[in-house]
Amino acid sequence: MPALQLTATTVAGGLSVSVEPASDPSRAERSFAALETQLNSLPLGSQIVLVGSDTLNIDSTTVAWLLRVVRVCNSKSLKWSTRDLPLSAQRLLELALSVPERKGARRIPRSDSFLETVGRGTLLLLHTIREWFAFTGELMVELFNLVRGRARVPVRDIWQTLDQCGPSALPIVTLISTLVGVILAFIGAQQLRQFGATIYVANLVGVGMLREMGAVMTAVIMAGRTGAAFAAQLGTMQVNEEIDALKTFGFSPMQYLVIPRVLALVVMMPLLCLYADGLGILGGAIVSALTLDISLAQYYYQTVSAVHLTDVWLGVSKSVVFGILIALAGCLAGMRCGRSASAVGTAVTTAVVSGIVSVVLCDAVFAIITEVLGV
């Protein structure tokens, strides 16, 4: 819609404001700001005359701009006149001013207090925890039915999901795991070089990858890749009402959609974790051989002497739990998705964030338990 160019000229007792069409809205806004500055400098009771030619296009936009000028004049206790405007503009402006503004019509932005923010966040957290427990309980019931042979789980879907979670994820897991091993080796070399103990880089990389980094980095990758995919798939099915169709035909969405994804991720996570452990150790060996003058044989024997089977089992156990958490986060976000495209995006974001957060919290719990037990 066209804007108005407002040009003010000083006359005896006030201002004469010329109203003309403006080709550039930004220029019109600047002219209004300049006019408002001039109005602020006028003494009380000054006369403001609005002037417009008969060729002026009179529409709702023109009246809205004139109302802006009139309201500024009223707020400054200035007198205004529309006698030099076209008759149609005078009548429309008079009609607009004849109806008082309804109280509460303007939306006033309101900021929540600190207590309101904390309370709302607490309620949201409690609701999320309740949903997690309810979803986990429903999944455990269906898994128990599966063990008893009373659940109809599509085996073909399990194999397809295994392919999506496993072989398709190998390139990104290969890259990240190798780089993590390289980073650990460089960080350890910087500190151990001060004591002439660079050979212990092998200990650092081996133990770090097997106990922590292999499982955690694989879980983060799968949360951002597979967990998001689960949420997007189930969320899209929710939008297209495919899940409602399954319920209508008497099929359990938990059996047909959730269990195959959970089982696939639980099976593939330990394998990907072991794969990531090996690549991380290999990355550390490459750095040691190229920059630390440690031969591959020395690195191998030092790693074998440093790591134990307990370290391997600890990392694998973590990966199994991480796989369950990632699958739960992705499936829960997808099953609780809304009925719009934006809701699918929100579900994907929720799945990734909740998956990573749950993995980190679980890893912290594992660290405390292993420290207490001396594992």
Protein backbone atom coordinates (compact mmCIF):
# COMPACT_ATOMS: atom_id res chain seq x y z
CA MET A 1 0.00 0.00 0.00
CA PRO A 2 1.31 3.50 -0.80
CA ALA A 3 2.63 5.68 2.00
CA LEU A 4 2.46 9.48 2.38
CA GLN A 5 5.18 12.07 2.14
CA LEU A 6 4.68 14.71 4.85
CA THR A 7 6.34 18.09 4.28
CA ALA A 8 6.01 20.74 7.01
CA THR A 9 6.27 24.48 6.36
CA THR A 10 6.36 27.08 9.11
CA VAL A 11 3.46 29.58 9.01
CA ALA A 12 2.13 32.13 11.40
CA GLY A 13 0.94 30.37 14.54
CA GLY A 14 2.06 26.86 13.60
CA LEU A 15 2.81 24.54 10.67
CA SER A 16 1.33 23.75 7.30
CA VAL A 17 1.76 20.03 6.54
CA SER A 18 1.60 19.07 2.88
CA VAL A 19 0.32 15.54 2.26
CA GLU A 20 1.57 13.88 -0.94
CA PRO A 21 1.98 10.27 -2.15
CA ALA A 22 5.42 8.77 -1.48
CA SER A 23 7.07 6.26 -3.79
CA ASP A 24 9.46 4.97 -1.11
CA PRO A 25 8.01 3.78 2.24
CA SER A 26 11.31 4.37 4.04
CA ARG A 27 11.35 7.97 2.80
CA ALA A 28 7.80 8.40 4.07
CA GLU A 29 8.80 7.13 7.51
CA ARG A 30 11.70 9.57 7.61
CA SER A 31 9.38 12.44 6.72
CA PHE A 32 7.00 11.45 9.53
CA ALA A 33 9.91 11.28 12.01
CA ALA A 34 11.03 14.74 10.93
CA LEU A 35 7.49 16.09 11.29
CA GLU A 36 7.21 14.58 14.77
CA THR A 37 10.43 16.32 15.77
CA GLN A 38 9.03 19.66 14.56
CA LEU A 39 5.78 19.10 16.41
CA ASN A 40 7.67 18.42 19.64
CA SER A 41 9.34 21.83 19.39
CA LEU A 42 6.09 23.78 18.97
CA PRO A 43 4.45 25.52 21.93
CA LEU A 44 1.10 24.36 23.27
CA GLY A 45 -1.91 25.47 21.27
CA SER A 46 -0.07 25.88 17.95
CA GLN A 47 -2.13 25.40 14.78
CA ILE A 48 -1.39 22.46 12.44
CA VAL A 49 -3.06 22.62 9.02
CA LEU A 50 -3.12 19.49 6.87
CA VAL A 51 -3.02 20.34 3.17
CA GLY A 52 -3.72 17.96 0.29
CA SER A 53 -4.64 18.27 -3.36
CA ASP A 54 -7.78 16.87 -4.98
CA THR A 55 -5.63 14.32 -6.84
CA LEU A 56 -4.64 12.65 -3.56
CA ASN A 57 -5.68 8.99 -3.50
CA ILE A 58 -8.05 8.65 -0.55
CA ASP A 59 -8.02 5.13 0.89
CA SER A 60 -7.53 3.38 4.21
CA THR A 61 -3.76 3.88 4.03
CA THR A 62 -4.13 7.64 3.60
CA VAL A 63 -6.54 7.83 6.53
CA ALA A 64 -4.18 5.75 8.68
CA TRP A 65 -1.31 8.16 8.01
CA LEU A 66 -3.51 11.17 8.75
CA LEU A 67 -4.60 9.53 11.99
CA ARG A 68 -0.95 9.17 13.00
CA VAL A 69 -0.45 12.91 12.57
CA VAL A 70 -3.69 13.76 14.41
CA ARG A 71 -2.80 11.52 17.36
CA VAL A 72 0.63 13.13 17.70
CA CYS A 73 -1.05 16.56 17.67
CA ASN A 74 -3.52 15.50 20.35
CA SER A 75 -0.75 14.09 22.53
CA LYS A 76 1.12 17.44 22.27
CA SER A 77 -2.03 19.54 22.89
CA LEU A 78 -1.77 21.07 19.41
CA LYS A 79 -4.73 22.30 17.36
CA TRP A 80 -5.19 20.70 13.98
CA SER A 81 -7.34 21.43 10.96
CA THR A 82 -8.30 19.43 7.87
CA ARG A 83 -10.09 22.22 5.99
CA ASP A 84 -7.49 22.15 3.19
CA LEU A 85 -7.85 18.42 2.62
CA PRO A 86 -10.23 16.90 0.04
CA LEU A 87 -13.78 16.53 1.31
CA SER A 88 -13.63 12.73 1.10
CA ALA A 89 -10.52 12.69 3.29
CA GLN A 90 -12.19 14.97 5.84
CA ARG A 91 -15.24 12.73 6.05
CA LEU A 92 -13.22 9.51 6.37
CA LEU A 93 -11.00 11.04 9.04
CA GLU A 94 -14.06 12.32 10.91
CA LEU A 95 -15.61 8.84 10.71
CA ALA A 96 -12.39 7.24 12.04
CA LEU A 97 -12.27 9.66 14.95
CA SER A 98 -15.96 9.31 15.79
CA VAL A 99 -15.49 5.81 17.22
CA PRO A 100 -13.26 5.76 20.33
CA GLU A 101 -10.59 3.12 20.56
CA ARG A 102 -11.76 0.10 22.51
CA LYS A 103 -9.89 -0.44 25.74
CA GLY A 104 -7.58 -3.42 25.62
CA ALA A 105 -7.52 -3.47 21.81
CA ARG A 106 -3.80 -2.75 21.73
CA ARG A 107 -1.66 -5.72 22.57
CA ILE A 108 0.81 -4.74 25.26
CA PRO A 109 3.88 -6.96 25.39
CA ARG A 110 4.14 -8.59 28.78
CA SER A 111 7.26 -10.18 30.16
CA ASP A 112 6.95 -12.99 32.66
CA SER A 113 8.44 -12.61 36.09
CA PHE A 114 11.30 -14.76 37.28
CA LEU A 115 9.02 -16.96 39.38
CA GLU A 116 6.62 -17.46 36.47
CA THR A 117 9.49 -18.48 34.19
CA VAL A 118 10.86 -20.92 36.74
CA GLY A 119 7.40 -22.35 37.45
CA ARG A 120 6.57 -22.81 33.78
CA GLY A 121 9.93 -24.46 33.16
CA THR A 122 9.44 -26.78 36.13
CA LEU A 123 5.99 -27.83 34.95
CA LEU A 124 7.34 -28.47 31.46
CA LEU A 125 10.16 -30.57 32.89
CA LEU A 126 7.75 -32.61 35.01
CA HIS A 127 5.49 -33.13 32.01
CA THR A 128 8.44 -34.31 29.90
CA ILE A 129 9.60 -36.72 32.60
CA ARG A 130 6.06 -38.08 32.95
CA GLU A 131 5.85 -38.64 29.19
CA TRP A 132 9.22 -40.43 29.21
CA PHE A 133 8.14 -42.79 31.98
CA ALA A 134 4.75 -43.44 30.39
CA PHE A 135 6.30 -44.14 26.99
CA THR A 136 8.99 -46.36 28.53
CA GLY A 137 6.39 -48.30 30.48
CA GLU A 138 4.29 -48.86 27.37
CA LEU A 139 7.39 -50.02 25.49
CA MET A 140 8.32 -52.47 28.27
CA VAL A 141 4.81 -53.96 28.20
CA GLU A 142 5.01 -54.48 24.44
CA LEU A 143 8.50 -55.98 24.73
CA PHE A 144 7.18 -58.40 27.36
CA ASN A 145 4.38 -59.34 24.96
CA LEU A 146 7.00 -59.84 22.25
CA VAL A 147 8.95 -62.22 24.47
CA ARG A 148 5.73 -64.14 25.20
CA GLY A 149 4.98 -64.30 21.46
CA ARG A 150 1.89 -62.10 21.69
CA ALA A 151 3.20 -59.11 19.75
CA ARG A 152 3.10 -58.72 15.99
CA VAL A 153 6.40 -57.08 15.07
CA PRO A 154 7.29 -56.78 11.35
CA VAL A 155 10.68 -58.49 10.93
CA ARG A 156 11.26 -56.86 7.55
CA ASP A 157 11.10 -53.42 9.14
CA ILE A 158 13.73 -54.47 11.67
CA TRP A 159 16.13 -55.44 8.89
CA GLN A 160 15.51 -52.20 7.02
CA THR A 161 16.09 -50.15 10.16
CA LEU A 162 19.26 -52.14 10.90
CA ASP A 163 20.58 -51.11 7.49
CA GLN A 164 19.72 -47.47 8.14
CA CYS A 165 21.31 -47.45 11.59
CA GLY A 166 24.40 -49.50 10.76
CA PRO A 167 26.03 -49.58 7.31
CA SER A 168 24.58 -46.21 6.31
CA ALA A 169 26.17 -44.60 9.37
CA LEU A 170 29.67 -46.02 8.82
CA PRO A 171 31.09 -43.06 6.81
CA ILE A 172 30.30 -40.40 9.41
CA VAL A 173 31.31 -42.69 12.30
CA THR A 174 34.61 -43.44 10.53
CA LEU A 175 35.42 -39.76 10.06
CA ILE A 176 34.48 -38.59 13.55
CA SER A 177 36.06 -41.50 15.42
CA THR A 178 39.36 -41.25 13.59
CA LEU A 179 39.53 -37.52 14.21
CA VAL A 180 38.71 -38.00 17.89
CA GLY A 181 41.62 -40.42 18.22
CA VAL A 182 43.90 -37.95 16.45
CA ILE A 183 42.78 -35.12 18.76
CA LEU A 184 43.31 -37.20 21.89
CA ALA A 185 46.79 -38.15 20.72
CA PHE A 186 47.78 -34.55 20.04
CA ILE A 187 46.38 -33.30 23.36
CA GLY A 188 48.11 -36.08 25.31
CA ALA A 189 51.41 -35.53 23.48
CA GLN A 190 51.48 -31.85 24.43
CA GLN A 191 51.36 -32.66 28.13
CA LEU A 192 53.31 -35.93 28.24
CA ARG A 193 56.16 -34.50 26.19
CA GLN A 194 57.06 -32.28 29.16
CA PHE A 195 57.88 -35.39 31.20
CA GLY A 196 59.45 -37.43 28.43
CA ALA A 197 56.57 -39.90 28.59
CA THR A 198 55.13 -39.65 25.09
CA ILE A 199 54.84 -43.44 24.95
CA TYR A 200 51.87 -43.16 27.30
CA VAL A 201 49.88 -41.48 24.54
CA ALA A 202 48.88 -45.01 23.61
CA ASN A 203 47.48 -45.52 27.13
CA LEU A 204 45.54 -42.26 26.96
CA VAL A 205 44.00 -42.91 23.55
CA GLY A 206 43.25 -46.58 24.22
CA VAL A 207 41.60 -46.14 27.59
CA GLY A 208 39.84 -42.91 26.56
CA MET A 209 38.34 -44.41 23.43
CA LEU A 210 37.29 -47.71 24.99
CA ARG A 211 35.78 -46.31 28.18
CA GLU A 212 34.34 -42.98 27.10
CA MET A 213 34.86 -41.38 23.73
CA GLY A 214 33.96 -44.28 21.48
CA ALA A 215 30.55 -44.83 23.02
CA VAL A 216 29.77 -41.14 23.63
CA MET A 217 30.77 -39.87 20.20
CA THR A 218 28.91 -42.70 18.48
CA ALA A 219 25.84 -41.89 20.57
CA VAL A 220 26.03 -38.19 19.69
CA ILE A 221 26.34 -39.04 16.00
CA MET A 222 23.40 -41.42 16.14
CA ALA A 223 21.28 -38.95 18.11
CA GLY A 224 21.79 -36.31 15.45
CA ARG A 225 21.38 -38.73 12.57
CA THR A 226 19.17 -41.68 13.47
CA GLY A 227 17.23 -40.13 16.35
CA ALA A 228 16.28 -37.21 14.14
CA ALA A 229 15.32 -39.60 11.35
CA PHE A 230 13.04 -41.57 13.69
CA ALA A 231 11.31 -38.38 14.83
CA ALA A 232 10.88 -37.13 11.26
CA GLN A 233 9.49 -40.46 10.01
CA LEU A 234 7.00 -40.93 12.83
CA GLY A 235 6.11 -37.24 12.87
CA THR A 236 5.31 -37.28 9.16
CA MET A 237 3.19 -40.38 9.67
CA GLN A 238 1.38 -38.53 12.44
CA VAL A 239 0.71 -35.57 10.15
CA ASN A 240 -0.55 -37.85 7.38
CA GLU A 241 -2.76 -39.69 9.92
CA GLU A 242 -1.07 -43.02 9.13
CA ILE A 243 -0.69 -43.79 12.83
CA ASP A 244 -4.40 -43.15 13.34
CA ALA A 245 -5.06 -45.57 10.48
CA LEU A 246 -2.99 -48.25 12.21
CA LYS A 247 -5.00 -47.79 15.41
CA THR A 248 -8.25 -47.92 13.44
CA PHE A 249 -7.32 -51.29 11.93
CA GLY A 250 -6.37 -52.64 15.34
CA PHE A 251 -2.58 -52.57 14.95
CA SER A 252 -0.41 -51.30 17.79
CA PRO A 253 1.84 -48.41 16.67
CA MET A 254 4.23 -49.38 19.46
CA GLN A 255 4.65 -52.87 17.97
CA TYR A 256 4.78 -51.84 14.33
CA LEU A 257 6.75 -48.60 14.55
CA VAL A 258 8.64 -48.26 17.83
CA ILE A 259 9.89 -51.77 18.70
CA PRO A 260 11.66 -52.34 15.34
CA ARG A 261 13.53 -49.07 15.71
CA VAL A 262 14.49 -49.69 19.33
CA LEU A 263 15.73 -53.22 18.62
CA ALA A 264 17.67 -52.09 15.55
CA LEU A 265 19.46 -49.33 17.41
CA VAL A 266 20.20 -51.56 20.42
CA VAL A 267 21.77 -54.15 18.13
CA MET A 268 23.81 -51.71 16.04
CA MET A 269 25.10 -49.38 18.76
CA PRO A 270 27.56 -51.89 20.32
CA LEU A 271 28.92 -52.79 16.88
CA LEU A 272 29.34 -49.16 15.92
CA CYS A 273 30.97 -48.48 19.30
CA LEU A 274 33.57 -51.22 18.78
CA TYR A 275 34.15 -49.93 15.25
CA ALA A 276 34.64 -46.39 16.59
CA ASP A 277 37.03 -47.66 19.30
CA GLY A 278 39.23 -49.33 16.73
CA LEU A 279 39.32 -46.32 14.44
CA GLY A 280 40.09 -43.96 17.33
CA ILE A 281 43.02 -46.12 18.43
CA LEU A 282 44.18 -46.28 14.81
CA GLY A 283 44.04 -42.48 14.58
CA GLY A 284 46.18 -42.19 17.69
CA ALA A 285 48.65 -44.70 16.24
CA ILE A 286 49.00 -42.68 13.04
CA VAL A 287 49.73 -39.50 14.99
CA SER A 288 52.23 -41.32 17.22
CA ALA A 289 54.04 -42.84 14.26
CA LEU A 290 54.24 -39.62 12.27
CA THR A 291 54.95 -37.00 14.95
CA LEU A 292 56.11 -38.77 18.14
CA ASP A 293 58.60 -41.31 16.74
CA ILE A 294 56.64 -44.18 18.23
CA SER A 295 56.54 -47.22 16.00
CA LEU A 296 53.29 -49.04 15.36
CA ALA A 297 54.62 -52.10 17.20
CA GLN A 298 55.46 -50.04 20.30
CA TYR A 299 52.08 -48.37 20.17
CA TYR A 300 50.33 -51.74 19.86
CA TYR A 301 52.11 -53.37 22.80
CA GLN A 302 51.65 -50.28 24.97
CA THR A 303 47.93 -50.21 24.18
CA VAL A 304 47.52 -53.93 24.91
CA SER A 305 49.25 -53.51 28.26
CA ALA A 306 47.12 -50.48 29.19
CA VAL A 307 43.59 -51.59 28.31
CA HIS A 308 41.64 -54.45 29.83
CA LEU A 309 38.56 -56.38 28.89
CA THR A 310 36.65 -54.43 31.55
CA ASP A 311 37.23 -51.23 29.57
CA VAL A 312 35.79 -52.83 26.46
CA TRP A 313 32.72 -54.17 28.25
CA LEU A 314 32.14 -50.84 29.95
CA GLY A 315 32.08 -48.98 26.65
CA VAL A 316 29.85 -51.59 25.01
CA SER A 317 27.44 -51.53 27.95
CA LYS A 318 27.21 -47.78 27.72
CA SER A 319 26.49 -47.98 24.00
CA VAL A 320 23.56 -50.33 24.59
CA VAL A 321 22.00 -47.96 27.11
CA PHE A 322 22.72 -44.99 24.86
CA GLY A 323 21.01 -46.76 21.97
CA ILE A 324 17.87 -47.28 24.06
CA LEU A 325 17.81 -43.63 25.12
CA ILE A 326 18.30 -42.34 21.56
CA ALA A 327 15.57 -44.60 20.20
CA LEU A 328 13.20 -43.57 22.98
CA ALA A 329 13.89 -39.87 22.40
CA GLY A 330 13.34 -40.10 18.64
CA CYS A 331 10.25 -42.29 18.78
CA LEU A 332 8.67 -40.33 21.63
CA ALA A 333 9.13 -37.03 19.79
CA GLY A 334 7.67 -38.51 16.62
CA MET A 335 4.68 -40.16 18.31
CA ARG A 336 3.86 -36.98 20.24
CA CYS A 337 4.22 -34.79 17.13
CA GLY A 338 1.53 -32.31 16.17
CA ARG A 339 -0.41 -32.14 12.91
CA SER A 340 1.60 -29.54 10.98
CA ALA A 341 4.89 -29.26 9.12
CA SER A 342 6.32 -26.97 11.79
CA ALA A 343 5.42 -29.58 14.41
CA VAL A 344 7.59 -32.12 12.57
CA GLY A 345 10.53 -29.71 12.71
CA THR A 346 9.93 -29.17 16.41
CA ALA A 347 9.79 -32.94 16.95
CA VAL A 348 13.13 -33.42 15.18
CA THR A 349 14.75 -30.70 17.28
CA THR A 350 13.29 -32.16 20.46
CA ALA A 351 14.52 -35.64 19.56
CA VAL A 352 18.10 -34.48 18.95
CA VAL A 353 18.31 -32.28 22.04
CA SER A 354 16.68 -34.76 24.42
CA GLY A 355 18.75 -37.62 22.98
CA ILE A 356 22.07 -35.85 23.47
CA VAL A 357 21.12 -34.56 26.92
CA SER A 358 20.01 -38.01 28.08
CA VAL A 359 23.23 -39.55 26.75
CA VAL A 360 25.39 -37.05 28.63
CA LEU A 361 23.40 -37.48 31.86
CA CYS A 362 23.58 -41.26 31.58
CA ASP A 363 27.33 -41.09 30.96
CA ALA A 364 27.73 -39.00 34.10
CA VAL A 365 25.79 -41.65 36.06
CA PHE A 366 28.05 -44.34 34.62
CA ALA A 367 31.12 -42.33 35.66
CA ILE A 368 29.87 -42.03 39.24
CA ILE A 369 29.00 -45.73 39.45
CA THR A 370 32.34 -46.87 38.05
CA GLU A 371 34.18 -44.56 40.45
CA VAL A 372 32.25 -45.89 43.43
CA LEU A 373 32.71 -49.52 42.38
CA GLY A 374 36.34 -48.99 41.40
CA VAL A 375 35.82 -50.40 37.91
